Amino acid sequence: MLKPRHGGTGRLFMVTFAPKSVKLWGSGQLTIPKDMREALHLNKETKLNVFAVGRCLVMTPKPLLRRALAKKVEKEMRNKKLSLNDLLAGLKSERRQYNKKNRGR
């Protein structure tokens, strides 16, 4: 497991766990392992979005922040006078650097 930590930007780095087996109870409930709940700051009041992707069950803390994230990105793009093409070109460059560093390609 990678311990959660904050970088200088205040963002939380990815938390990764090995797969764990959990039991699905009669009423469809399951228990998220304690170490995962603690690392992800989930408590009994936390609401989750649950959806299926193929045969995988995905849970994310509610609310999904797509709309808020999209607005934040749009605001930054306006402030920095970036177009969508600029943003995509930067993403392509970052992906190349990542692949070169982490995958040797």
Protein backbone atom coordinates (compact mmCIF):
# COMPACT_ATOMS: atom_id res chain seq x y z
CA MET A 1 0.00 0.00 0.00
CA LEU A 2 1.19 3.51 -0.75
CA LYS A 3 0.45 5.83 2.14
CA PRO A 4 -1.56 8.91 1.24
CA ARG A 5 0.49 12.08 1.37
CA HIS A 6 0.12 15.63 0.28
CA GLY A 7 2.48 17.23 -2.20
CA GLY A 8 3.53 20.86 -2.18
CA THR A 9 0.43 21.64 -4.27
CA GLY A 10 -1.92 20.41 -1.56
CA ARG A 11 -3.16 17.59 -3.80
CA LEU A 12 -3.51 14.09 -2.43
CA PHE A 13 -1.36 11.52 -4.21
CA MET A 14 -2.92 8.26 -5.38
CA VAL A 15 -3.53 5.64 -2.72
CA THR A 16 -3.06 2.09 -3.99
CA PHE A 17 -4.00 -1.17 -2.29
CA ALA A 18 -3.67 -4.78 -3.29
CA PRO A 19 -7.07 -6.34 -4.03
CA LYS A 20 -8.92 -7.64 -0.97
CA SER A 21 -11.85 -9.99 -0.73
CA VAL A 22 -15.01 -8.72 0.97
CA LYS A 23 -18.28 -10.52 1.65
CA LEU A 24 -21.53 -9.31 0.18
CA TRP A 25 -24.18 -9.65 2.89
CA GLY A 26 -27.78 -10.78 2.32
CA SER A 27 -29.10 -7.25 1.92
CA GLY A 28 -26.40 -6.35 -0.61
CA GLN A 29 -24.16 -4.57 1.90
CA LEU A 30 -20.40 -4.93 2.04
CA THR A 31 -17.70 -3.70 4.40
CA ILE A 32 -14.82 -1.66 2.99
CA PRO A 33 -11.63 -2.76 4.79
CA LYS A 34 -10.60 -0.46 7.65
CA ASP A 35 -7.19 0.47 6.21
CA MET A 36 -8.85 1.59 2.98
CA ARG A 37 -11.55 3.59 4.82
CA GLU A 38 -8.89 5.34 6.90
CA ALA A 39 -6.58 6.11 3.96
CA LEU A 40 -9.48 7.48 1.92
CA HIS A 41 -11.04 9.34 4.87
CA LEU A 42 -14.33 7.46 4.60
CA ASN A 43 -16.61 7.31 7.64
CA LYS A 44 -20.16 6.19 8.42
CA GLU A 45 -21.50 9.50 7.06
CA THR A 46 -19.68 9.24 3.70
CA LYS A 47 -21.96 8.71 0.71
CA LEU A 48 -20.59 6.88 -2.32
CA ASN A 49 -21.54 6.75 -5.98
CA VAL A 50 -21.55 3.13 -7.15
CA PHE A 51 -21.49 2.10 -10.80
CA ALA A 52 -20.44 -0.83 -12.95
CA VAL A 53 -17.74 -0.73 -15.61
CA GLY A 54 -17.86 -4.03 -17.42
CA ARG A 55 -17.74 -6.62 -14.65
CA CYS A 56 -16.08 -4.20 -12.20
CA LEU A 57 -17.88 -2.39 -9.41
CA VAL A 58 -16.54 1.14 -8.90
CA MET A 59 -17.22 3.32 -5.86
CA THR A 60 -16.33 7.00 -5.60
CA PRO A 61 -16.96 9.47 -2.78
CA LYS A 62 -20.07 11.49 -3.50
CA PRO A 63 -20.49 13.91 -5.10
CA LEU A 64 -18.63 13.26 -8.31
CA LEU A 65 -16.82 16.47 -8.98
CA ARG A 66 -16.92 16.46 -12.78
CA ARG A 67 -18.94 19.66 -13.05
CA ALA A 68 -16.84 21.49 -10.43
CA LEU A 69 -13.61 20.23 -11.99
CA ALA A 70 -14.75 21.23 -15.48
CA LYS A 71 -15.57 24.76 -14.27
CA LYS A 72 -12.19 25.04 -12.56
CA VAL A 73 -10.39 23.93 -15.73
CA GLU A 74 -12.40 26.37 -17.87
CA LYS A 75 -11.57 29.23 -15.49
CA GLU A 76 -7.85 28.40 -15.58
CA MET A 77 -7.95 28.13 -19.37
CA ARG A 78 -9.55 31.60 -19.58
CA ASN A 79 -7.07 33.09 -17.09
CA LYS A 80 -4.10 31.66 -18.99
CA LYS A 81 -5.67 32.27 -22.40
CA LEU A 82 -5.39 28.59 -23.38
CA SER A 83 -7.48 26.88 -26.02
CA LEU A 84 -8.62 23.29 -25.88
CA ASN A 85 -5.99 22.51 -28.52
CA ASP A 86 -3.30 24.03 -26.27
CA LEU A 87 -4.49 21.90 -23.38
CA LEU A 88 -4.56 18.72 -25.48
CA ALA A 89 -1.09 19.43 -26.91
CA GLY A 90 0.23 19.85 -23.36
CA LEU A 91 -1.43 16.59 -22.33
CA LYS A 92 0.15 14.77 -25.28
CA SER A 93 3.57 16.13 -24.32
CA GLU A 94 3.08 15.11 -20.67
CA ARG A 95 2.02 11.62 -21.74
CA ARG A 96 5.16 11.22 -23.88
CA GLN A 97 7.36 12.31 -20.96
CA TYR A 98 5.53 9.96 -18.57
CA ASN A 99 5.85 6.99 -20.93
CA LYS A 100 9.53 7.69 -21.53
CA LYS A 101 10.25 7.93 -17.82
CA ASN A 102 8.07 5.07 -16.58
CA ARG A 103 7.86 2.69 -19.50
CA GLY A 104 11.06 3.36 -21.41
CA ARG A 105 9.18 4.35 -24.58
